[in-house]
Amino acid sequence: MIASVSGRVAAIAPDGAVVEVGGIGVMVHCTPGTLATLRVAEQARLATSLVVREESLTLYGFASDDERAVFELLQTASGVGPRTALAMLAVHTPNALRVAVASADVKALTLVPGIGPKGAQRVILELKDKLGTPEEAVTAALNGAVRVPLWREQVHSGLVGLGYSAKDADDAVAAVTPDAEDAASAGRAPDIAALLKAALRTLSAR
């Protein structure tokens, strides 16, 4: 198992980053939140999880060991593969997922693209004794405190991480805001990766 990678960040894309390890560029798939912590040409360390398939070896990277642990636990639920698990962590932090599962918050889980009510109920049933329950966070959730995904900050940070100026990032975020608001109005969480790609298209069209 490749538990982590450390090295210079050679490139950042909307869905991952290339980290130079021992002279080899390693592609690591990450959430937008993790990508926002990286900068091209700077050193980085990512906790990683290697997913082995008959036709491929795919490495997923995370800003913390806890995030990686949750990623791996999520995949023990029926119907949750690595892509869905990564999408869950793109929408919710590890603690927010613990809250959602512990408080049986189906609505919060269905904010993740690809997860419907039945899938959310299955995740809750199968993971309620695995993810853990941070007491203070669960109490807040039961009292009605709802965590709003910080899509705007994540997209902005991702653009800055790709080398764009803060002003250009502001303009691009403004351009994709209607898409995010449409998703929210429909009861869906904004798709961070899709918004980041749309923002990049806006910038490249200049």
N, C-alpha and C. Protein backbone atom coordinates (compact mmCIF):
# COMPACT_ATOMS: atom_id res chain seq x y z
N MET A 1 0.84 -1.20 0.00
CA MET A 1 0.00 0.00 0.00
C MET A 1 0.87 1.25 0.00
N ILE A 2 0.50 2.22 -0.82
CA ILE A 2 1.20 3.51 -0.83
C ILE A 2 0.44 4.42 0.13
N ALA A 3 1.00 4.63 1.33
CA ALA A 3 0.29 5.36 2.38
C ALA A 3 0.38 6.87 2.22
N SER A 4 1.41 7.35 1.53
CA SER A 4 1.55 8.79 1.34
C SER A 4 2.56 9.06 0.23
N VAL A 5 2.49 10.27 -0.33
CA VAL A 5 3.49 10.72 -1.28
C VAL A 5 3.94 12.10 -0.86
N SER A 6 5.24 12.35 -1.00
CA SER A 6 5.80 13.66 -0.67
C SER A 6 6.72 14.09 -1.80
N GLY A 7 6.60 15.35 -2.19
CA GLY A 7 7.46 15.84 -3.25
C GLY A 7 6.98 17.16 -3.80
N ARG A 8 7.62 17.58 -4.86
CA ARG A 8 7.28 18.85 -5.50
C ARG A 8 6.03 18.68 -6.35
N VAL A 9 5.13 19.64 -6.25
CA VAL A 9 3.92 19.62 -7.08
C VAL A 9 4.28 20.11 -8.48
N ALA A 10 4.17 19.21 -9.46
CA ALA A 10 4.55 19.56 -10.83
C ALA A 10 3.40 20.18 -11.61
N ALA A 11 2.18 19.77 -11.30
CA ALA A 11 1.02 20.29 -12.04
C ALA A 11 -0.25 20.06 -11.22
N ILE A 12 -1.23 20.92 -11.45
CA ILE A 12 -2.53 20.79 -10.80
C ILE A 12 -3.60 20.87 -11.87
N ALA A 13 -4.53 19.93 -11.85
CA ALA A 13 -5.66 19.89 -12.77
C ALA A 13 -6.95 19.94 -11.96
N PRO A 14 -8.10 20.10 -12.60
CA PRO A 14 -9.34 20.18 -11.84
C PRO A 14 -9.65 18.96 -10.97
N ASP A 15 -9.15 17.78 -11.37
CA ASP A 15 -9.48 16.57 -10.62
C ASP A 15 -8.28 15.89 -9.96
N GLY A 16 -7.11 16.52 -10.00
CA GLY A 16 -5.96 15.89 -9.39
C GLY A 16 -4.69 16.71 -9.55
N ALA A 17 -3.60 16.13 -9.07
CA ALA A 17 -2.31 16.81 -9.14
C ALA A 17 -1.21 15.81 -9.46
N VAL A 18 -0.14 16.30 -10.06
CA VAL A 18 1.04 15.47 -10.32
C VAL A 18 2.11 15.85 -9.31
N VAL A 19 2.55 14.87 -8.53
CA VAL A 19 3.58 15.10 -7.52
C VAL A 19 4.82 14.33 -7.93
N GLU A 20 5.96 15.01 -7.96
CA GLU A 20 7.22 14.36 -8.34
C GLU A 20 7.79 13.61 -7.16
N VAL A 21 7.92 12.30 -7.32
CA VAL A 21 8.44 11.44 -6.26
C VAL A 21 9.60 10.63 -6.82
N GLY A 22 10.81 10.92 -6.36
CA GLY A 22 11.97 10.18 -6.84
C GLY A 22 12.18 10.26 -8.34
N GLY A 23 11.89 11.42 -8.91
CA GLY A 23 12.07 11.60 -10.35
C GLY A 23 10.91 11.13 -11.20
N ILE A 24 9.86 10.63 -10.55
CA ILE A 24 8.68 10.14 -11.27
C ILE A 24 7.48 11.03 -10.94
N GLY A 25 6.74 11.43 -11.96
CA GLY A 25 5.53 12.22 -11.74
C GLY A 25 4.35 11.31 -11.44
N VAL A 26 3.83 11.40 -10.24
CA VAL A 26 2.73 10.53 -9.82
C VAL A 26 1.42 11.31 -9.87
N MET A 27 0.44 10.79 -10.62
CA MET A 27 -0.88 11.41 -10.69
C MET A 27 -1.70 10.98 -9.49
N VAL A 28 -2.20 11.97 -8.75
CA VAL A 28 -2.99 11.70 -7.55
C VAL A 28 -4.34 12.40 -7.69
N HIS A 29 -5.41 11.66 -7.62
CA HIS A 29 -6.76 12.22 -7.72
C HIS A 29 -7.17 12.77 -6.35
N CYS A 30 -7.68 14.00 -6.34
CA CYS A 30 -7.98 14.68 -5.07
C CYS A 30 -9.32 15.41 -5.14
N THR A 31 -9.84 15.77 -3.98
CA THR A 31 -11.02 16.63 -3.91
C THR A 31 -10.58 18.07 -4.19
N PRO A 32 -11.51 18.93 -4.62
CA PRO A 32 -11.15 20.34 -4.81
C PRO A 32 -10.59 20.98 -3.54
N GLY A 33 -11.10 20.56 -2.37
CA GLY A 33 -10.59 21.10 -1.12
C GLY A 33 -9.12 20.78 -0.90
N THR A 34 -8.73 19.55 -1.22
CA THR A 34 -7.33 19.17 -1.10
C THR A 34 -6.48 19.89 -2.13
N LEU A 35 -6.98 19.98 -3.37
CA LEU A 35 -6.23 20.68 -4.41
C LEU A 35 -5.98 22.14 -4.06
N ALA A 36 -6.93 22.73 -3.32
CA ALA A 36 -6.79 24.14 -2.94
C ALA A 36 -5.62 24.37 -1.99
N THR A 37 -5.15 23.31 -1.34
CA THR A 37 -4.01 23.45 -0.41
C THR A 37 -2.67 23.32 -1.13
N LEU A 38 -2.69 22.95 -2.40
CA LEU A 38 -1.45 22.71 -3.14
C LEU A 38 -1.07 23.90 -4.00
N ARG A 39 0.21 24.05 -4.25
CA ARG A 39 0.73 25.10 -5.12
C ARG A 39 1.78 24.50 -6.03
N VAL A 40 1.71 24.82 -7.31
CA VAL A 40 2.69 24.32 -8.27
C VAL A 40 4.09 24.78 -7.87
N ALA A 41 5.07 23.87 -7.97
CA ALA A 41 6.48 24.10 -7.67
C ALA A 41 6.79 24.10 -6.17
N GLU A 42 5.78 23.91 -5.33
CA GLU A 42 6.02 23.84 -3.89
C GLU A 42 5.95 22.38 -3.42
N GLN A 43 6.58 22.12 -2.27
CA GLN A 43 6.57 20.77 -1.70
C GLN A 43 5.21 20.47 -1.07
N ALA A 44 4.83 19.21 -1.12
CA ALA A 44 3.55 18.82 -0.54
C ALA A 44 3.63 17.38 -0.04
N ARG A 45 2.79 17.08 0.93
CA ARG A 45 2.63 15.69 1.39
C ARG A 45 1.15 15.36 1.37
N LEU A 46 0.80 14.26 0.75
CA LEU A 46 -0.58 13.82 0.69
C LEU A 46 -0.70 12.42 1.25
N ALA A 47 -1.66 12.22 2.15
CA ALA A 47 -2.00 10.86 2.55
C ALA A 47 -2.69 10.22 1.35
N THR A 48 -2.39 8.97 1.05
CA THR A 48 -2.92 8.37 -0.18
C THR A 48 -3.56 7.02 0.05
N SER A 49 -4.41 6.67 -0.89
CA SER A 49 -5.06 5.36 -0.90
C SER A 49 -4.99 4.82 -2.32
N LEU A 50 -4.43 3.64 -2.49
CA LEU A 50 -4.28 3.04 -3.82
C LEU A 50 -5.45 2.10 -4.08
N VAL A 51 -6.18 2.36 -5.15
CA VAL A 51 -7.31 1.51 -5.54
C VAL A 51 -6.86 0.64 -6.71
N VAL A 52 -6.89 -0.66 -6.51
CA VAL A 52 -6.40 -1.61 -7.51
C VAL A 52 -7.58 -2.24 -8.24
N ARG A 53 -7.57 -2.10 -9.54
CA ARG A 53 -8.56 -2.75 -10.39
C ARG A 53 -7.81 -3.60 -11.42
N GLU A 54 -8.52 -4.52 -12.03
CA GLU A 54 -7.87 -5.41 -13.00
C GLU A 54 -7.19 -4.64 -14.11
N GLU A 55 -7.82 -3.51 -14.50
CA GLU A 55 -7.31 -2.76 -15.65
C GLU A 55 -6.58 -1.48 -15.26
N SER A 56 -6.51 -1.18 -13.96
CA SER A 56 -5.89 0.10 -13.58
C SER A 56 -5.43 0.12 -12.13
N LEU A 57 -4.50 1.02 -11.87
CA LEU A 57 -4.06 1.35 -10.51
C LEU A 57 -4.28 2.85 -10.36
N THR A 58 -5.14 3.25 -9.42
CA THR A 58 -5.48 4.66 -9.26
C THR A 58 -5.15 5.11 -7.85
N LEU A 59 -4.41 6.22 -7.76
CA LEU A 59 -4.00 6.74 -6.47
C LEU A 59 -4.84 7.96 -6.11
N TYR A 60 -5.41 7.95 -4.91
CA TYR A 60 -6.22 9.06 -4.42
C TYR A 60 -5.47 9.73 -3.27
N GLY A 61 -5.48 11.07 -3.27
CA GLY A 61 -4.71 11.80 -2.26
C GLY A 61 -5.58 12.70 -1.40
N PHE A 62 -5.13 12.89 -0.15
CA PHE A 62 -5.92 13.63 0.83
C PHE A 62 -5.03 14.53 1.69
N ALA A 63 -5.62 15.61 2.15
CA ALA A 63 -4.87 16.56 2.95
C ALA A 63 -4.56 16.03 4.34
N SER A 64 -5.31 15.01 4.80
CA SER A 64 -5.08 14.47 6.15
C SER A 64 -5.28 12.96 6.17
N ASP A 65 -4.69 12.32 7.18
CA ASP A 65 -4.87 10.88 7.35
C ASP A 65 -6.32 10.54 7.67
N ASP A 66 -7.00 11.43 8.39
CA ASP A 66 -8.40 11.20 8.74
C ASP A 66 -9.27 11.17 7.49
N GLU A 67 -9.00 12.08 6.56
CA GLU A 67 -9.77 12.12 5.33
C GLU A 67 -9.58 10.83 4.54
N ARG A 68 -8.34 10.34 4.51
CA ARG A 68 -8.08 9.07 3.81
C ARG A 68 -8.82 7.92 4.49
N ALA A 69 -8.79 7.89 5.82
CA ALA A 69 -9.46 6.82 6.55
C ALA A 69 -10.96 6.80 6.27
N VAL A 70 -11.56 7.99 6.24
CA VAL A 70 -13.00 8.08 5.94
C VAL A 70 -13.26 7.64 4.51
N PHE A 71 -12.41 8.04 3.58
CA PHE A 71 -12.53 7.62 2.18
C PHE A 71 -12.58 6.10 2.07
N GLU A 72 -11.70 5.43 2.78
CA GLU A 72 -11.65 3.97 2.72
C GLU A 72 -12.84 3.33 3.42
N LEU A 73 -13.29 3.92 4.52
CA LEU A 73 -14.47 3.38 5.21
C LEU A 73 -15.73 3.55 4.38
N LEU A 74 -15.85 4.66 3.69
CA LEU A 74 -17.04 4.89 2.87
C LEU A 74 -17.22 3.79 1.83
N GLN A 75 -16.11 3.27 1.33
CA GLN A 75 -16.19 2.25 0.29
C GLN A 75 -16.62 0.88 0.81
N THR A 76 -16.72 0.73 2.12
CA THR A 76 -17.22 -0.53 2.67
C THR A 76 -18.75 -0.59 2.61
N ALA A 77 -19.38 0.53 2.29
CA ALA A 77 -20.84 0.55 2.13
C ALA A 77 -21.20 0.05 0.73
N SER A 78 -22.27 -0.69 0.63
CA SER A 78 -22.70 -1.24 -0.66
C SER A 78 -22.97 -0.12 -1.66
N GLY A 79 -22.43 -0.27 -2.85
CA GLY A 79 -22.69 0.69 -3.91
C GLY A 79 -21.82 1.92 -3.89
N VAL A 80 -20.89 2.02 -2.93
CA VAL A 80 -20.01 3.18 -2.85
C VAL A 80 -18.61 2.78 -3.32
N GLY A 81 -18.24 3.28 -4.49
CA GLY A 81 -16.91 3.04 -5.02
C GLY A 81 -16.01 4.24 -4.74
N PRO A 82 -14.78 4.21 -5.20
CA PRO A 82 -13.85 5.31 -4.93
C PRO A 82 -14.31 6.67 -5.47
N ARG A 83 -14.94 6.68 -6.65
CA ARG A 83 -15.40 7.96 -7.21
C ARG A 83 -16.51 8.58 -6.36
N THR A 84 -17.44 7.73 -5.92
CA THR A 84 -18.51 8.23 -5.06
C THR A 84 -17.97 8.67 -3.71
N ALA A 85 -17.04 7.90 -3.16
CA ALA A 85 -16.45 8.26 -1.88
C ALA A 85 -15.73 9.60 -1.98
N LEU A 86 -15.02 9.82 -3.09
CA LEU A 86 -14.32 11.09 -3.28
C LEU A 86 -15.33 12.23 -3.43
N ALA A 87 -16.43 11.97 -4.14
CA ALA A 87 -17.47 12.98 -4.30
C ALA A 87 -18.08 13.36 -2.95
N MET A 88 -18.24 12.36 -2.06
CA MET A 88 -18.79 12.62 -0.73
C MET A 88 -17.86 13.54 0.06
N LEU A 89 -16.56 13.32 -0.10
CA LEU A 89 -15.59 14.16 0.62
C LEU A 89 -15.40 15.51 -0.06
N ALA A 90 -15.81 15.63 -1.32
CA ALA A 90 -15.77 16.93 -1.98
C ALA A 90 -16.90 17.82 -1.48
N VAL A 91 -18.02 17.20 -1.09
CA VAL A 91 -19.18 17.95 -0.62
C VAL A 91 -19.12 18.17 0.89
N HIS A 92 -18.70 17.14 1.64
CA HIS A 92 -18.70 17.21 3.10
C HIS A 92 -17.32 16.90 3.67
N THR A 93 -16.98 17.53 4.77
CA THR A 93 -15.75 17.18 5.49
C THR A 93 -15.97 15.83 6.18
N PRO A 94 -14.89 15.18 6.63
CA PRO A 94 -15.06 13.92 7.36
C PRO A 94 -16.01 14.05 8.55
N ASN A 95 -15.88 15.11 9.33
CA ASN A 95 -16.77 15.26 10.49
C ASN A 95 -18.21 15.52 10.07
N ALA A 96 -18.40 16.25 8.97
CA ALA A 96 -19.76 16.49 8.49
C ALA A 96 -20.40 15.17 8.05
N LEU A 97 -19.61 14.27 7.47
CA LEU A 97 -20.14 12.96 7.10
C LEU A 97 -20.48 12.14 8.34
N ARG A 98 -19.64 12.25 9.36
CA ARG A 98 -19.93 11.54 10.62
C ARG A 98 -21.25 12.04 11.21
N VAL A 99 -21.44 13.34 11.14
CA VAL A 99 -22.68 13.94 11.64
C VAL A 99 -23.87 13.43 10.85
N ALA A 100 -23.76 13.45 9.53
CA ALA A 100 -24.86 13.03 8.68
C ALA A 100 -25.25 11.58 8.94
N VAL A 101 -24.26 10.72 9.08
CA VAL A 101 -24.53 9.31 9.32
C VAL A 101 -25.09 9.10 10.72
N ALA A 102 -24.48 9.72 11.71
CA ALA A 102 -24.91 9.54 13.09
C ALA A 102 -26.31 10.07 13.34
N SER A 103 -26.69 11.14 12.65
CA SER A 103 -28.01 11.74 12.85
C SER A 103 -29.01 11.31 11.78
N ALA A 104 -28.61 10.33 10.94
CA ALA A 104 -29.48 9.80 9.88
C ALA A 104 -30.01 10.92 8.99
N ASP A 105 -29.12 11.82 8.59
CA ASP A 105 -29.50 12.96 7.78
C ASP A 105 -29.44 12.58 6.29
N VAL A 106 -30.53 12.01 5.81
CA VAL A 106 -30.60 11.58 4.41
C VAL A 106 -30.42 12.76 3.46
N LYS A 107 -31.02 13.89 3.79
CA LYS A 107 -30.95 15.06 2.92
C LYS A 107 -29.51 15.51 2.69
N ALA A 108 -28.70 15.50 3.76
CA ALA A 108 -27.31 15.92 3.62
C ALA A 108 -26.54 14.99 2.69
N LEU A 109 -26.80 13.69 2.79
CA LEU A 109 -26.08 12.74 1.95
C LEU A 109 -26.53 12.80 0.50
N THR A 110 -27.79 13.12 0.27
CA THR A 110 -28.26 13.20 -1.12
C THR A 110 -27.80 14.47 -1.81
N LEU A 111 -27.13 15.36 -1.09
CA LEU A 111 -26.49 16.50 -1.73
C LEU A 111 -25.30 16.07 -2.58
N VAL A 112 -24.82 14.86 -2.32
CA VAL A 112 -23.68 14.33 -3.09
C VAL A 112 -24.17 13.82 -4.44
N PRO A 113 -23.59 14.28 -5.55
CA PRO A 113 -24.01 13.79 -6.87
C PRO A 113 -23.89 12.27 -6.94
N GLY A 114 -24.97 11.62 -7.40
CA GLY A 114 -24.94 10.17 -7.54
C GLY A 114 -25.52 9.40 -6.38
N ILE A 115 -25.86 10.09 -5.29
CA ILE A 115 -26.45 9.41 -4.14
C ILE A 115 -27.91 9.83 -3.99
N GLY A 116 -28.81 8.88 -4.12
CA GLY A 116 -30.24 9.14 -3.95
C GLY A 116 -30.68 8.77 -2.54
N PRO A 117 -31.95 8.93 -2.24
CA PRO A 117 -32.45 8.63 -0.89
C PRO A 117 -32.18 7.19 -0.45
N LYS A 118 -32.39 6.22 -1.35
CA LYS A 118 -32.15 4.83 -0.98
C LYS A 118 -30.67 4.57 -0.71
N GLY A 119 -29.83 5.16 -1.55
CA GLY A 119 -28.39 5.01 -1.35
C GLY A 119 -27.95 5.64 -0.05
N ALA A 120 -28.52 6.80 0.27
CA ALA A 120 -28.19 7.49 1.52
C ALA A 120 -28.60 6.66 2.73
N GLN A 121 -29.78 6.07 2.66
CA GLN A 121 -30.25 5.23 3.76
C GLN A 121 -29.36 4.01 3.94
N ARG A 122 -28.89 3.46 2.82
CA ARG A 122 -28.00 2.30 2.90
C ARG A 122 -26.66 2.68 3.54
N VAL A 123 -26.13 3.85 3.15
CA VAL A 123 -24.88 4.32 3.74
C VAL A 123 -25.03 4.51 5.25
N ILE A 124 -26.13 5.11 5.66
CA ILE A 124 -26.39 5.34 7.08
C ILE A 124 -26.45 4.02 7.84
N LEU A 125 -27.18 3.06 7.29
CA LEU A 125 -27.35 1.77 7.94
C LEU A 125 -26.03 1.02 8.08
N GLU A 126 -25.24 1.05 7.01
CA GLU A 126 -24.02 0.24 7.00
C GLU A 126 -22.82 0.90 7.67
N LEU A 127 -22.85 2.24 7.80
CA LEU A 127 -21.68 2.93 8.35
C LEU A 127 -21.89 3.55 9.72
N LYS A 128 -23.10 3.44 10.26
CA LYS A 128 -23.39 4.14 11.52
C LYS A 128 -22.49 3.72 12.67
N ASP A 129 -21.97 2.49 12.63
CA ASP A 129 -21.09 2.03 13.71
C ASP A 129 -19.62 2.04 13.32
N LYS A 130 -19.32 2.61 12.14
CA LYS A 130 -17.94 2.57 11.65
C LYS A 130 -17.26 3.93 11.64
N LEU A 131 -17.99 4.98 11.27
CA LEU A 131 -17.37 6.29 11.08
C LEU A 131 -17.04 7.00 12.38
N GLY A 132 -17.74 6.65 13.48
CA GLY A 132 -17.55 7.39 14.72
C GLY A 132 -18.50 8.56 14.79
N THR A 133 -18.68 9.11 15.99
CA THR A 133 -19.64 10.20 16.17
C THR A 133 -19.05 11.31 17.03
N PRO A 134 -18.46 12.33 16.42
CA PRO A 134 -17.97 13.46 17.21
C PRO A 134 -19.13 14.11 17.95
N GLU A 135 -19.16 14.02 19.27
CA GLU A 135 -20.32 14.38 20.07
C GLU A 135 -20.80 15.82 19.84
N GLU A 136 -19.88 16.76 19.84
CA GLU A 136 -20.29 18.16 19.70
C GLU A 136 -20.91 18.41 18.33
N ALA A 137 -20.35 17.82 17.30
CA ALA A 137 -20.86 18.02 15.95
C ALA A 137 -22.24 17.40 15.80
N VAL A 138 -22.43 16.21 16.37
CA VAL A 138 -23.72 15.56 16.28
C VAL A 138 -24.78 16.38 17.01
N THR A 139 -24.42 16.92 18.16
CA THR A 139 -25.35 17.74 18.93
C THR A 139 -25.78 18.96 18.12
N ALA A 140 -24.80 19.58 17.45
CA ALA A 140 -25.11 20.75 16.62
C ALA A 140 -26.05 20.38 15.49
N ALA A 141 -25.82 19.21 14.88
CA ALA A 141 -26.67 18.79 13.77
C ALA A 141 -28.09 18.54 14.25
N LEU A 142 -28.22 17.88 15.40
CA LEU A 142 -29.55 17.58 15.92
C LEU A 142 -30.28 18.84 16.35
N ASN A 143 -29.53 19.89 16.66
CA ASN A 143 -30.14 21.17 17.04
C ASN A 143 -30.46 22.04 15.83
N GLY A 144 -30.19 21.50 14.65
CA GLY A 144 -30.57 22.22 13.43
C GLY A 144 -29.46 22.98 12.78
N ALA A 145 -28.24 22.86 13.27
CA ALA A 145 -27.12 23.57 12.63
C ALA A 145 -26.73 22.80 11.37
N VAL A 146 -26.72 23.46 10.23
CA VAL A 146 -26.43 22.82 8.95
C VAL A 146 -25.15 23.41 8.36
N ARG A 147 -24.26 22.54 7.95
CA ARG A 147 -23.01 23.00 7.33
C ARG A 147 -23.26 23.23 5.85
N VAL A 148 -22.98 24.44 5.37
CA VAL A 148 -23.15 24.75 3.96
C VAL A 148 -21.82 24.53 3.24
N PRO A 149 -21.80 23.72 2.17
CA PRO A 149 -20.55 23.49 1.44
C PRO A 149 -19.96 24.82 0.94
N LEU A 150 -18.70 25.01 1.13
CA LEU A 150 -18.04 26.27 0.76
C LEU A 150 -17.54 26.20 -0.68
N TRP A 151 -18.49 26.04 -1.63
CA TRP A 151 -18.10 25.87 -3.02
C TRP A 151 -17.34 27.07 -3.56
N ARG A 152 -17.79 28.25 -3.16
CA ARG A 152 -17.16 29.47 -3.68
C ARG A 152 -15.69 29.54 -3.28
N GLU A 153 -15.42 29.28 -2.01
CA GLU A 153 -14.04 29.32 -1.52
C GLU A 153 -13.20 28.24 -2.18
N GLN A 154 -13.80 27.05 -2.36
CA GLN A 154 -13.04 25.94 -2.94
C GLN A 154 -12.68 26.22 -4.41
N VAL A 155 -13.63 26.74 -5.17
CA VAL A 155 -13.36 27.04 -6.58
C VAL A 155 -12.33 28.16 -6.69
N HIS A 156 -12.50 29.19 -5.87
CA HIS A 156 -11.55 30.32 -5.89
C HIS A 156 -10.14 29.85 -5.54
N SER A 157 -10.02 29.05 -4.47
CA SER A 157 -8.71 28.56 -4.04
C SER A 157 -8.10 27.65 -5.10
N GLY A 158 -8.95 26.85 -5.76
CA GLY A 158 -8.46 25.97 -6.81
C GLY A 158 -7.88 26.75 -7.98
N LEU A 159 -8.55 27.85 -8.35
CA LEU A 159 -8.06 28.67 -9.46
C LEU A 159 -6.75 29.36 -9.11
N VAL A 160 -6.67 29.89 -7.88
CA VAL A 160 -5.43 30.52 -7.44
C VAL A 160 -4.30 29.50 -7.41
N GLY A 161 -4.62 28.27 -6.98
CA GLY A 161 -3.63 27.21 -6.95
C GLY A 161 -3.12 26.85 -8.34
N LEU A 162 -3.96 27.08 -9.36
CA LEU A 162 -3.56 26.80 -10.73
C LEU A 162 -2.77 27.95 -11.35
N GLY A 163 -2.59 29.03 -10.57
CA GLY A 163 -1.76 30.13 -11.03
C GLY A 163 -2.48 31.38 -11.45
N TYR A 164 -3.80 31.41 -11.34
CA TYR A 164 -4.56 32.61 -11.72
C TYR A 164 -4.52 33.63 -10.58
N SER A 165 -4.66 34.90 -10.95
CA SER A 165 -4.66 35.96 -9.93
C SER A 165 -5.97 35.91 -9.15
N ALA A 166 -5.97 36.53 -7.97
CA ALA A 166 -7.17 36.56 -7.14
C ALA A 166 -8.31 37.26 -7.88
N LYS A 167 -7.97 38.32 -8.64
CA LYS A 167 -9.00 39.05 -9.38
C LYS A 167 -9.62 38.18 -10.48
N ASP A 168 -8.76 37.47 -11.23
CA ASP A 168 -9.28 36.58 -12.28
C ASP A 168 -10.15 35.50 -11.66
N ALA A 169 -9.71 34.98 -10.52
CA ALA A 169 -10.48 33.95 -9.83
C ALA A 169 -11.83 34.49 -9.38
N ASP A 170 -11.84 35.74 -8.88
CA ASP A 170 -13.10 36.37 -8.47
C ASP A 170 -14.06 36.47 -9.66
N ASP A 171 -13.54 36.90 -10.81
CA ASP A 171 -14.38 37.07 -12.01
C ASP A 171 -14.94 35.72 -12.47
N ALA A 172 -14.09 34.68 -12.44
CA ALA A 172 -14.53 33.36 -12.89
C ALA A 172 -15.57 32.77 -11.94
N VAL A 173 -15.37 32.98 -10.64
CA VAL A 173 -16.35 32.50 -9.65
C VAL A 173 -17.70 33.20 -9.87
N ALA A 174 -17.64 34.49 -10.15
CA ALA A 174 -18.88 35.24 -10.42
C ALA A 174 -19.59 34.68 -11.64
N ALA A 175 -18.82 34.26 -12.64
CA ALA A 175 -19.41 33.75 -13.87
C ALA A 175 -20.13 32.42 -13.67
N VAL A 176 -19.64 31.60 -12.74
CA VAL A 176 -20.26 30.27 -12.53
C VAL A 176 -21.26 30.28 -11.37
N THR A 177 -21.40 31.41 -10.70
CA THR A 177 -22.34 31.50 -9.58
C THR A 177 -23.77 31.10 -9.96
N PRO A 178 -24.29 31.53 -11.13
CA PRO A 178 -25.65 31.10 -11.48
C PRO A 178 -25.81 29.59 -11.53
N ASP A 179 -24.77 28.88 -12.03
CA ASP A 179 -24.84 27.42 -12.08
C ASP A 179 -24.94 26.84 -10.67
N ALA A 180 -24.14 27.37 -9.74
CA ALA A 180 -24.17 26.89 -8.37
C ALA A 180 -25.51 27.18 -7.71
N GLU A 181 -26.05 28.35 -7.99
CA GLU A 181 -27.34 28.72 -7.40
C GLU A 181 -28.47 27.88 -7.96
N ASP A 182 -28.38 27.53 -9.25
CA ASP A 182 -29.39 26.66 -9.84
C ASP A 182 -29.38 25.28 -9.17
N ALA A 183 -28.17 24.78 -8.90
CA ALA A 183 -28.06 23.48 -8.24
C ALA A 183 -28.65 23.53 -6.84
N ALA A 184 -28.34 24.61 -6.12
CA ALA A 184 -28.86 24.76 -4.76
C ALA A 184 -30.38 24.87 -4.76
N SER A 185 -30.92 25.57 -5.74
CA SER A 185 -32.37 25.73 -5.84
C SER A 185 -33.06 24.40 -6.12
N ALA A 186 -32.35 23.51 -6.81
CA ALA A 186 -32.90 22.19 -7.13
C ALA A 186 -32.66 21.19 -6.01
N GLY A 187 -32.05 21.65 -4.90
CA GLY A 187 -31.80 20.78 -3.76
C GLY A 187 -30.55 19.94 -3.89
N ARG A 188 -29.66 20.32 -4.82
CA ARG A 188 -28.42 19.58 -5.01
C ARG A 188 -27.23 20.42 -4.57
N ALA A 189 -26.19 19.76 -4.10
CA ALA A 189 -24.97 20.48 -3.76
C ALA A 189 -24.25 20.87 -5.04
N PRO A 190 -23.70 22.07 -5.10
CA PRO A 190 -22.94 22.46 -6.28
C PRO A 190 -21.81 21.47 -6.54
N ASP A 191 -21.65 21.04 -7.79
CA ASP A 191 -20.58 20.12 -8.17
C ASP A 191 -19.30 20.92 -8.32
N ILE A 192 -18.42 20.80 -7.32
CA ILE A 192 -17.21 21.63 -7.29
C ILE A 192 -16.34 21.42 -8.52
N ALA A 193 -16.14 20.15 -8.90
CA ALA A 193 -15.28 19.86 -10.05
C ALA A 193 -15.86 20.47 -11.32
N ALA A 194 -17.19 20.36 -11.50
CA ALA A 194 -17.83 20.91 -12.69
C ALA A 194 -17.74 22.43 -12.70
N LEU A 195 -17.92 23.04 -11.53
CA LEU A 195 -17.82 24.49 -11.45
C LEU A 195 -16.40 24.96 -11.74
N LEU A 196 -15.42 24.21 -11.25
CA LEU A 196 -14.02 24.58 -11.50
C LEU A 196 -13.70 24.49 -12.99
N LYS A 197 -14.20 23.44 -13.63
CA LYS A 197 -13.97 23.30 -15.08
C LYS A 197 -14.65 24.43 -15.85
N ALA A 198 -15.87 24.79 -15.42
CA ALA A 198 -16.59 25.88 -16.09
C ALA A 198 -15.85 27.20 -15.89
N ALA A 199 -15.32 27.40 -14.69
CA ALA A 199 -14.55 28.62 -14.42
C ALA A 199 -13.30 28.68 -15.29
N LEU A 200 -12.65 27.53 -15.47
CA LEU A 200 -11.45 27.49 -16.33
C LEU A 200 -11.81 27.81 -17.77
N ARG A 201 -12.97 27.33 -18.23
CA ARG A 201 -13.40 27.64 -19.60
C ARG A 201 -13.64 29.13 -19.76
N THR A 202 -14.21 29.73 -18.72
CA THR A 202 -14.45 31.18 -18.74
C THR A 202 -13.14 31.95 -18.89
N LEU A 203 -12.14 31.53 -18.14
CA LEU A 203 -10.84 32.21 -18.17
C LEU A 203 -10.12 31.98 -19.49
N SER A 204 -10.23 30.77 -20.04
CA SER A 204 -9.52 30.47 -21.29
C SER A 204 -10.16 31.16 -22.49
N ALA A 205 -11.43 31.57 -22.33
CA ALA A 205 -12.13 32.23 -23.43
C ALA A 205 -11.79 33.70 -23.55
N ARG A 206 -11.04 34.21 -22.58
CA ARG A 206 -10.68 35.63 -22.60
C ARG A 206 -9.66 35.94 -23.69
